[in-house]
Amino acid sequence: MYSCKYSNSQWLVMSFIASISSVLNVSISHFRVYTPFHEDSPYTGTKAWNAVANSLILMCFIIVLTVVLIMLYKHRCYMVSV
């Protein structure tokens, strides 16, 4: 029988830590990690495009994590085996 070493919550925490540590160098600058498009422009179209791009990035991240959790559940990776 297939068994995972980590529980779902442990996978979620590890994926969160991995994603934060992979973009750590971005967080040092003046803008937020979850908003890579931050151009200060007087044009409304540019601001709208940046907002849409940032929201799509966040939505994709949430969708990927949800699919990973569903796949872990499908493969019965919800018990810690020692």
PDB file of N, CA and C in Angstrom:
ATOM      1  N   MET A   1       0.834  -1.174   0.000  1.00  0.00           N
ATOM      2  CA  MET A   1       0.000   0.000   0.000  1.00  0.00           C
ATOM      3  C   MET A   1       0.882   1.242   0.000  1.00  0.00           C
ATOM      4  N   TYR A   2       0.489   2.245  -0.734  1.00  0.00           N
ATOM      5  CA  TYR A   2       1.232   3.486  -0.868  1.00  0.00           C
ATOM      6  C   TYR A   2       1.031   4.353   0.363  1.00  0.00           C
ATOM      7  N   SER A   3       2.112   4.873   0.896  1.00  0.00           N
ATOM      8  CA  SER A   3       2.037   5.698   2.092  1.00  0.00           C
ATOM      9  C   SER A   3       3.022   6.855   1.970  1.00  0.00           C
ATOM     10  N   CYS A   4       2.579   8.039   2.356  1.00  0.00           N
ATOM     11  CA  CYS A   4       3.436   9.221   2.311  1.00  0.00           C
ATOM     12  C   CYS A   4       4.044   9.460   3.676  1.00  0.00           C
ATOM     13  N   LYS A   5       5.209  10.084   3.651  1.00  0.00           N
ATOM     14  CA  LYS A   5       5.920  10.365   4.885  1.00  0.00           C
ATOM     15  C   LYS A   5       5.344  11.575   5.611  1.00  0.00           C
ATOM     16  N   TYR A   6       4.745  12.501   4.883  1.00  0.00           N
ATOM     17  CA  TYR A   6       4.261  13.744   5.463  1.00  0.00           C
ATOM     18  C   TYR A   6       2.745  13.858   5.325  1.00  0.00           C
ATOM     19  N   SER A   7       2.132  14.597   6.238  1.00  0.00           N
ATOM     20  CA  SER A   7       0.696  14.837   6.156  1.00  0.00           C
ATOM     21  C   SER A   7       0.438  16.024   5.229  1.00  0.00           C
ATOM     22  N   ASN A   8      -0.839  16.250   4.912  1.00  0.00           N
ATOM     23  CA  ASN A   8      -1.201  17.353   4.024  1.00  0.00           C
ATOM     24  C   ASN A   8      -0.777  18.697   4.585  1.00  0.00           C
ATOM     25  N   SER A   9      -0.986  18.893   5.870  1.00  0.00           N
ATOM     26  CA  SER A   9      -0.612  20.184   6.448  1.00  0.00           C
ATOM     27  C   SER A   9       0.896  20.382   6.419  1.00  0.00           C
ATOM     28  N   GLN A  10       1.656  19.311   6.583  1.00  0.00           N
ATOM     29  CA  GLN A  10       3.107  19.437   6.504  1.00  0.00           C
ATOM     30  C   GLN A  10       3.537  19.770   5.080  1.00  0.00           C
ATOM     31  N   TRP A  11       2.889  19.166   4.086  1.00  0.00           N
ATOM     32  CA  TRP A  11       3.205  19.494   2.692  1.00  0.00           C
ATOM     33  C   TRP A  11       2.869  20.942   2.401  1.00  0.00           C
ATOM     34  N   LEU A  12       1.751  21.420   2.920  1.00  0.00           N
ATOM     35  CA  LEU A  12       1.352  22.799   2.696  1.00  0.00           C
ATOM     36  C   LEU A  12       2.363  23.764   3.300  1.00  0.00           C
ATOM     37  N   VAL A  13       2.800  23.484   4.513  1.00  0.00           N
ATOM     38  CA  VAL A  13       3.783  24.339   5.163  1.00  0.00           C
ATOM     39  C   VAL A  13       5.109  24.300   4.412  1.00  0.00           C
ATOM     40  N   MET A  14       5.541  23.109   3.987  1.00  0.00           N
ATOM     41  CA  MET A  14       6.798  23.002   3.258  1.00  0.00           C
ATOM     42  C   MET A  14       6.731  23.712   1.911  1.00  0.00           C
ATOM     43  N   SER A  15       5.584  23.626   1.216  1.00  0.00           N
ATOM     44  CA  SER A  15       5.466  24.322  -0.059  1.00  0.00           C
ATOM     45  C   SER A  15       5.433  25.822   0.140  1.00  0.00           C
ATOM     46  N   PHE A  16       4.814  26.291   1.220  1.00  0.00           N
ATOM     47  CA  PHE A  16       4.799  27.719   1.519  1.00  0.00           C
ATOM     48  C   PHE A  16       6.206  28.215   1.812  1.00  0.00           C
ATOM     49  N   ILE A  17       6.952  27.465   2.618  1.00  0.00           N
ATOM     50  CA  ILE A  17       8.316  27.869   2.949  1.00  0.00           C
ATOM     51  C   ILE A  17       9.196  27.844   1.708  1.00  0.00           C
ATOM     52  N   ALA A  18       9.010  26.847   0.852  1.00  0.00           N
ATOM     53  CA  ALA A  18       9.807  26.773  -0.373  1.00  0.00           C
ATOM     54  C   ALA A  18       9.495  27.939  -1.305  1.00  0.00           C
ATOM     55  N   SER A  19       8.230  28.300  -1.408  1.00  0.00           N
ATOM     56  CA  SER A  19       7.880  29.411  -2.296  1.00  0.00           C
ATOM     57  C   SER A  19       8.391  30.734  -1.755  1.00  0.00           C
ATOM     58  N   ILE A  20       8.337  30.925  -0.456  1.00  0.00           N
ATOM     59  CA  ILE A  20       8.843  32.160   0.132  1.00  0.00           C
ATOM     60  C   ILE A  20      10.361  32.223   0.013  1.00  0.00           C
ATOM     61  N   SER A  21      11.037  31.120   0.268  1.00  0.00           N
ATOM     62  CA  SER A  21      12.491  31.143   0.197  1.00  0.00           C
ATOM     63  C   SER A  21      12.989  31.285  -1.237  1.00  0.00           C
ATOM     64  N   SER A  22      12.198  30.848  -2.220  1.00  0.00           N
ATOM     65  CA  SER A  22      12.633  30.973  -3.613  1.00  0.00           C
ATOM     66  C   SER A  22      12.533  32.401  -4.113  1.00  0.00           C
ATOM     67  N   VAL A  23      11.682  33.205  -3.509  1.00  0.00           N
ATOM     68  CA  VAL A  23      11.538  34.603  -3.917  1.00  0.00           C
ATOM     69  C   VAL A  23      12.020  35.558  -2.833  1.00  0.00           C
ATOM     70  N   LEU A  24      12.874  35.070  -1.955  1.00  0.00           N
ATOM     71  CA  LEU A  24      13.349  35.895  -0.856  1.00  0.00           C
ATOM     72  C   LEU A  24      14.126  37.102  -1.356  1.00  0.00           C
ATOM     73  N   ASN A  25      14.900  36.935  -2.407  1.00  0.00           N
ATOM     74  CA  ASN A  25      15.680  38.054  -2.909  1.00  0.00           C
ATOM     75  C   ASN A  25      14.781  39.149  -3.483  1.00  0.00           C
ATOM     76  N   VAL A  26      13.567  38.819  -3.898  1.00  0.00           N
ATOM     77  CA  VAL A  26      12.638  39.819  -4.411  1.00  0.00           C
ATOM     78  C   VAL A  26      12.053  40.636  -3.270  1.00  0.00           C
ATOM     79  N   SER A  27      11.860  40.017  -2.116  1.00  0.00           N
ATOM     80  CA  SER A  27      11.205  40.710  -1.004  1.00  0.00           C
ATOM     81  C   SER A  27      12.100  41.759  -0.362  1.00  0.00           C
ATOM     82  N   ILE A  28      13.371  41.763  -0.682  1.00  0.00           N
ATOM     83  CA  ILE A  28      14.277  42.727  -0.083  1.00  0.00           C
ATOM     84  C   ILE A  28      14.031  44.127  -0.642  1.00  0.00           C
ATOM     85  N   SER A  29      13.605  44.216  -1.871  1.00  0.00           N
ATOM     86  CA  SER A  29      13.386  45.525  -2.472  1.00  0.00           C
ATOM     87  C   SER A  29      12.108  46.163  -1.922  1.00  0.00           C
ATOM     88  N   HIS A  30      11.692  47.274  -2.490  1.00  0.00           N
ATOM     89  CA  HIS A  30      10.613  48.069  -1.923  1.00  0.00           C
ATOM     90  C   HIS A  30       9.207  47.570  -2.237  1.00  0.00           C
ATOM     91  N   PHE A  31       9.043  46.585  -3.067  1.00  0.00           N
ATOM     92  CA  PHE A  31       7.703  46.102  -3.382  1.00  0.00           C
ATOM     93  C   PHE A  31       7.463  44.728  -2.788  1.00  0.00           C
ATOM     94  N   ARG A  32       6.218  44.318  -2.776  1.00  0.00           N
ATOM     95  CA  ARG A  32       5.837  43.053  -2.156  1.00  0.00           C
ATOM     96  C   ARG A  32       6.123  41.877  -3.087  1.00  0.00           C
ATOM     97  N   VAL A  33       6.305  40.696  -2.482  1.00  0.00           N
ATOM     98  CA  VAL A  33       6.623  39.499  -3.252  1.00  0.00           C
ATOM     99  C   VAL A  33       5.469  39.107  -4.157  1.00  0.00           C
ATOM    100  N   TYR A  34       4.258  39.255  -3.681  1.00  0.00           N
ATOM    101  CA  TYR A  34       3.109  38.802  -4.454  1.00  0.00           C
ATOM    102  C   TYR A  34       2.647  39.829  -5.482  1.00  0.00           C
ATOM    103  N   THR A  35       3.360  40.911  -5.641  1.00  0.00           N
ATOM    104  CA  THR A  35       3.046  41.903  -6.683  1.00  0.00           C
ATOM    105  C   THR A  35       4.288  42.209  -7.503  1.00  0.00           C
ATOM    106  N   PRO A  36       4.698  41.304  -8.384  1.00  0.00           N
ATOM    107  CA  PRO A  36       5.913  41.550  -9.170  1.00  0.00           C
ATOM    108  C   PRO A  36       5.754  42.690 -10.173  1.00  0.00           C
ATOM    109  N   PHE A  37       4.529  42.958 -10.618  1.00  0.00           N
ATOM    110  CA  PHE A  37       4.288  44.067 -11.532  1.00  0.00           C
ATOM    111  C   PHE A  37       3.888  45.278 -10.698  1.00  0.00           C
ATOM    112  N   HIS A  38       4.769  46.219 -10.581  1.00  0.00           N
ATOM    113  CA  HIS A  38       4.544  47.344  -9.674  1.00  0.00           C
ATOM    114  C   HIS A  38       4.933  48.679 -10.307  1.00  0.00           C
ATOM    115  N   GLU A  39       4.908  48.764 -11.579  1.00  0.00           N
ATOM    116  CA  GLU A  39       5.353  49.972 -12.272  1.00  0.00           C
ATOM    117  C   GLU A  39       4.500  51.175 -11.873  1.00  0.00           C
ATOM    118  N   ASP A  40       5.167  52.243 -11.472  1.00  0.00           N
ATOM    119  CA  ASP A  40       4.464  53.483 -11.147  1.00  0.00           C
ATOM    120  C   ASP A  40       4.288  54.273 -12.439  1.00  0.00           C
ATOM    121  N   SER A  41       3.081  54.285 -12.916  1.00  0.00           N
ATOM    122  CA  SER A  41       2.797  54.931 -14.189  1.00  0.00           C
ATOM    123  C   SER A  41       1.573  55.827 -14.041  1.00  0.00           C
ATOM    124  N   PRO A  42       1.571  56.952 -14.733  1.00  0.00           N
ATOM    125  CA  PRO A  42       0.385  57.812 -14.679  1.00  0.00           C
ATOM    126  C   PRO A  42      -0.768  57.292 -15.531  1.00  0.00           C
ATOM    127  N   TYR A  43      -0.509  56.269 -16.346  1.00  0.00           N
ATOM    128  CA  TYR A  43      -1.523  55.745 -17.258  1.00  0.00           C
ATOM    129  C   TYR A  43      -2.394  54.697 -16.574  1.00  0.00           C
ATOM    130  N   THR A  44      -3.684  54.848 -16.748  1.00  0.00           N
ATOM    131  CA  THR A  44      -4.636  53.924 -16.137  1.00  0.00           C
ATOM    132  C   THR A  44      -4.532  52.529 -16.739  1.00  0.00           C
ATOM    133  N   GLY A  45      -4.278  52.450 -18.035  1.00  0.00           N
ATOM    134  CA  GLY A  45      -4.153  51.149 -18.698  1.00  0.00           C
ATOM    135  C   GLY A  45      -3.006  50.327 -18.142  1.00  0.00           C
ATOM    136  N   THR A  46      -1.881  50.966 -17.876  1.00  0.00           N
ATOM    137  CA  THR A  46      -0.733  50.260 -17.306  1.00  0.00           C
ATOM    138  C   THR A  46      -1.034  49.777 -15.895  1.00  0.00           C
ATOM    139  N   LYS A  47      -1.685  50.608 -15.118  1.00  0.00           N
ATOM    140  CA  LYS A  47      -2.050  50.205 -13.753  1.00  0.00           C
ATOM    141  C   LYS A  47      -3.048  49.052 -13.768  1.00  0.00           C
ATOM    142  N   ALA A  48      -3.997  49.106 -14.706  1.00  0.00           N
ATOM    143  CA  ALA A  48      -4.980  48.016 -14.816  1.00  0.00           C
ATOM    144  C   ALA A  48      -4.300  46.723 -15.240  1.00  0.00           C
ATOM    145  N   TRP A  49      -3.386  46.801 -16.216  1.00  0.00           N
ATOM    146  CA  TRP A  49      -2.660  45.600 -16.672  1.00  0.00           C
ATOM    147  C   TRP A  49      -1.846  45.010 -15.520  1.00  0.00           C
ATOM    148  N   ASN A  50      -1.162  45.855 -14.743  1.00  0.00           N
ATOM    149  CA  ASN A  50      -0.382  45.369 -13.607  1.00  0.00           C
ATOM    150  C   ASN A  50      -1.285  44.695 -12.571  1.00  0.00           C
ATOM    151  N   ALA A  51      -2.444  45.276 -12.320  1.00  0.00           N
ATOM    152  CA  ALA A  51      -3.371  44.688 -11.349  1.00  0.00           C
ATOM    153  C   ALA A  51      -3.887  43.335 -11.825  1.00  0.00           C
ATOM    154  N   VAL A  52      -4.232  43.236 -13.117  1.00  0.00           N
ATOM    155  CA  VAL A  52      -4.722  41.969 -13.664  1.00  0.00           C
ATOM    156  C   VAL A  52      -3.618  40.914 -13.627  1.00  0.00           C
ATOM    157  N   ALA A  53      -2.404  41.291 -14.010  1.00  0.00           N
ATOM    158  CA  ALA A  53      -1.287  40.336 -14.005  1.00  0.00           C
ATOM    159  C   ALA A  53      -0.994  39.850 -12.589  1.00  0.00           C
ATOM    160  N   ASN A  54      -0.985  40.756 -11.628  1.00  0.00           N
ATOM    161  CA  ASN A  54      -0.737  40.358 -10.237  1.00  0.00           C
ATOM    162  C   ASN A  54      -1.837  39.443  -9.705  1.00  0.00           C
ATOM    163  N   SER A  55      -3.074  39.730 -10.050  1.00  0.00           N
ATOM    164  CA  SER A  55      -4.165  38.876  -9.571  1.00  0.00           C
ATOM    165  C   SER A  55      -4.118  37.506 -10.228  1.00  0.00           C
ATOM    166  N   LEU A  56      -3.734  37.426 -11.503  1.00  0.00           N
ATOM    167  CA  LEU A  56      -3.612  36.125 -12.173  1.00  0.00           C
ATOM    168  C   LEU A  56      -2.488  35.285 -11.572  1.00  0.00           C
ATOM    169  N   ILE A  57      -1.390  35.928 -11.203  1.00  0.00           N
ATOM    170  CA  ILE A  57      -0.295  35.202 -10.563  1.00  0.00           C
ATOM    171  C   ILE A  57      -0.758  34.622  -9.236  1.00  0.00           C
ATOM    172  N   LEU A  58      -1.452  35.401  -8.451  1.00  0.00           N
ATOM    173  CA  LEU A  58      -1.946  34.922  -7.162  1.00  0.00           C
ATOM    174  C   LEU A  58      -2.972  33.806  -7.338  1.00  0.00           C
ATOM    175  N   MET A  59      -3.862  33.956  -8.308  1.00  0.00           N
ATOM    176  CA  MET A  59      -4.863  32.908  -8.561  1.00  0.00           C
ATOM    177  C   MET A  59      -4.207  31.608  -9.028  1.00  0.00           C
ATOM    178  N   CYS A  60      -3.203  31.701  -9.886  1.00  0.00           N
ATOM    179  CA  CYS A  60      -2.499  30.498 -10.347  1.00  0.00           C
ATOM    180  C   CYS A  60      -1.802  29.797  -9.192  1.00  0.00           C
ATOM    181  N   PHE A  61      -1.205  30.567  -8.302  1.00  0.00           N
ATOM    182  CA  PHE A  61      -0.543  29.985  -7.139  1.00  0.00           C
ATOM    183  C   PHE A  61      -1.551  29.239  -6.261  1.00  0.00           C
ATOM    184  N   ILE A  62      -2.696  29.831  -6.036  1.00  0.00           N
ATOM    185  CA  ILE A  62      -3.736  29.190  -5.221  1.00  0.00           C
ATOM    186  C   ILE A  62      -4.257  27.927  -5.905  1.00  0.00           C
ATOM    187  N   ILE A  63      -4.460  27.978  -7.214  1.00  0.00           N
ATOM    188  CA  ILE A  63      -4.952  26.813  -7.956  1.00  0.00           C
ATOM    189  C   ILE A  63      -3.941  25.677  -7.912  1.00  0.00           C
ATOM    190  N   VAL A  64      -2.661  25.994  -8.103  1.00  0.00           N
ATOM    191  CA  VAL A  64      -1.625  24.953  -8.076  1.00  0.00           C
ATOM    192  C   VAL A  64      -1.570  24.296  -6.700  1.00  0.00           C
ATOM    193  N   LEU A  65      -1.599  25.082  -5.635  1.00  0.00           N
ATOM    194  CA  LEU A  65      -1.573  24.491  -4.302  1.00  0.00           C
ATOM    195  C   LEU A  65      -2.814  23.646  -4.029  1.00  0.00           C
ATOM    196  N   THR A  66      -3.955  24.084  -4.517  1.00  0.00           N
ATOM    197  CA  THR A  66      -5.175  23.300  -4.337  1.00  0.00           C
ATOM    198  C   THR A  66      -5.081  21.968  -5.066  1.00  0.00           C
ATOM    199  N   VAL A  67      -4.584  21.980  -6.291  1.00  0.00           N
ATOM    200  CA  VAL A  67      -4.438  20.736  -7.058  1.00  0.00           C
ATOM    201  C   VAL A  67      -3.441  19.802  -6.378  1.00  0.00           C
ATOM    202  N   VAL A  68      -2.359  20.356  -5.848  1.00  0.00           N
ATOM    203  CA  VAL A  68      -1.377  19.523  -5.144  1.00  0.00           C
ATOM    204  C   VAL A  68      -2.016  18.867  -3.925  1.00  0.00           C
ATOM    205  N   LEU A  69      -2.789  19.629  -3.171  1.00  0.00           N
ATOM    206  CA  LEU A  69      -3.453  19.042  -1.993  1.00  0.00           C
ATOM    207  C   LEU A  69      -4.465  17.977  -2.393  1.00  0.00           C
ATOM    208  N   ILE A  70      -5.185  18.200  -3.481  1.00  0.00           N
ATOM    209  CA  ILE A  70      -6.149  17.197  -3.945  1.00  0.00           C
ATOM    210  C   ILE A  70      -5.426  15.932  -4.402  1.00  0.00           C
ATOM    211  N   MET A  71      -4.310  16.084  -5.105  1.00  0.00           N
ATOM    212  CA  MET A  71      -3.555  14.914  -5.554  1.00  0.00           C
ATOM    213  C   MET A  71      -2.965  14.155  -4.356  1.00  0.00           C
ATOM    214  N   LEU A  72      -2.495  14.876  -3.357  1.00  0.00           N
ATOM    215  CA  LEU A  72      -2.004  14.203  -2.155  1.00  0.00           C
ATOM    216  C   LEU A  72      -3.124  13.421  -1.476  1.00  0.00           C
ATOM    217  N   TYR A  73      -4.306  14.003  -1.412  1.00  0.00           N
ATOM    218  CA  TYR A  73      -5.441  13.297  -0.817  1.00  0.00           C
ATOM    219  C   TYR A  73      -5.838  12.091  -1.661  1.00  0.00           C
ATOM    220  N   LYS A  74      -5.807  12.254  -2.979  1.00  0.00           N
ATOM    221  CA  LYS A  74      -6.171  11.152  -3.869  1.00  0.00           C
ATOM    222  C   LYS A  74      -5.226   9.966  -3.697  1.00  0.00           C
ATOM    223  N   HIS A  75      -3.960  10.250  -3.453  1.00  0.00           N
ATOM    224  CA  HIS A  75      -2.976   9.185  -3.267  1.00  0.00           C
ATOM    225  C   HIS A  75      -2.831   8.792  -1.800  1.00  0.00           C
ATOM    226  N   ARG A  76      -3.810   9.183  -1.009  1.00  0.00           N
ATOM    227  CA  ARG A  76      -3.900   8.822   0.410  1.00  0.00           C
ATOM    228  C   ARG A  76      -2.672   9.254   1.212  1.00  0.00           C
ATOM    229  N   CYS A  77      -2.207  10.437   0.960  1.00  0.00           N
ATOM    230  CA  CYS A  77      -1.069  10.995   1.698  1.00  0.00           C
ATOM    231  C   CYS A  77      -1.579  11.872   2.823  1.00  0.00           C
ATOM    232  N   TYR A  78      -2.404  11.310   3.669  1.00  0.00           N
ATOM    233  CA  TYR A  78      -2.957  12.087   4.770  1.00  0.00           C
ATOM    234  C   TYR A  78      -2.622  11.471   6.122  1.00  0.00           C
ATOM    235  N   MET A  79      -1.722  10.514   6.141  1.00  0.00           N
ATOM    236  CA  MET A  79      -1.295   9.921   7.403  1.00  0.00           C
ATOM    237  C   MET A  79       0.215  10.024   7.500  1.00  0.00           C
ATOM    238  N   VAL A  80       0.684  10.237   8.709  1.00  0.00           N
ATOM    239  CA  VAL A  80       2.123  10.257   8.955  1.00  0.00           C
ATOM    240  C   VAL A  80       2.530   8.833   9.319  1.00  0.00           C
ATOM    241  N   SER A  81       3.405   8.262   8.526  1.00  0.00           N
ATOM    242  CA  SER A  81       3.874   6.913   8.835  1.00  0.00           C
ATOM    243  C   SER A  81       5.293   7.007   9.372  1.00  0.00           C
ATOM    244  N   VAL A  82       5.510   6.352  10.486  1.00  0.00           N
ATOM    245  CA  VAL A  82       6.815   6.402  11.129  1.00  0.00           C
ATOM    246  C   VAL A  82       7.571   5.129  10.950  1.00  0.00           C
TER     247      VAL A  82
END
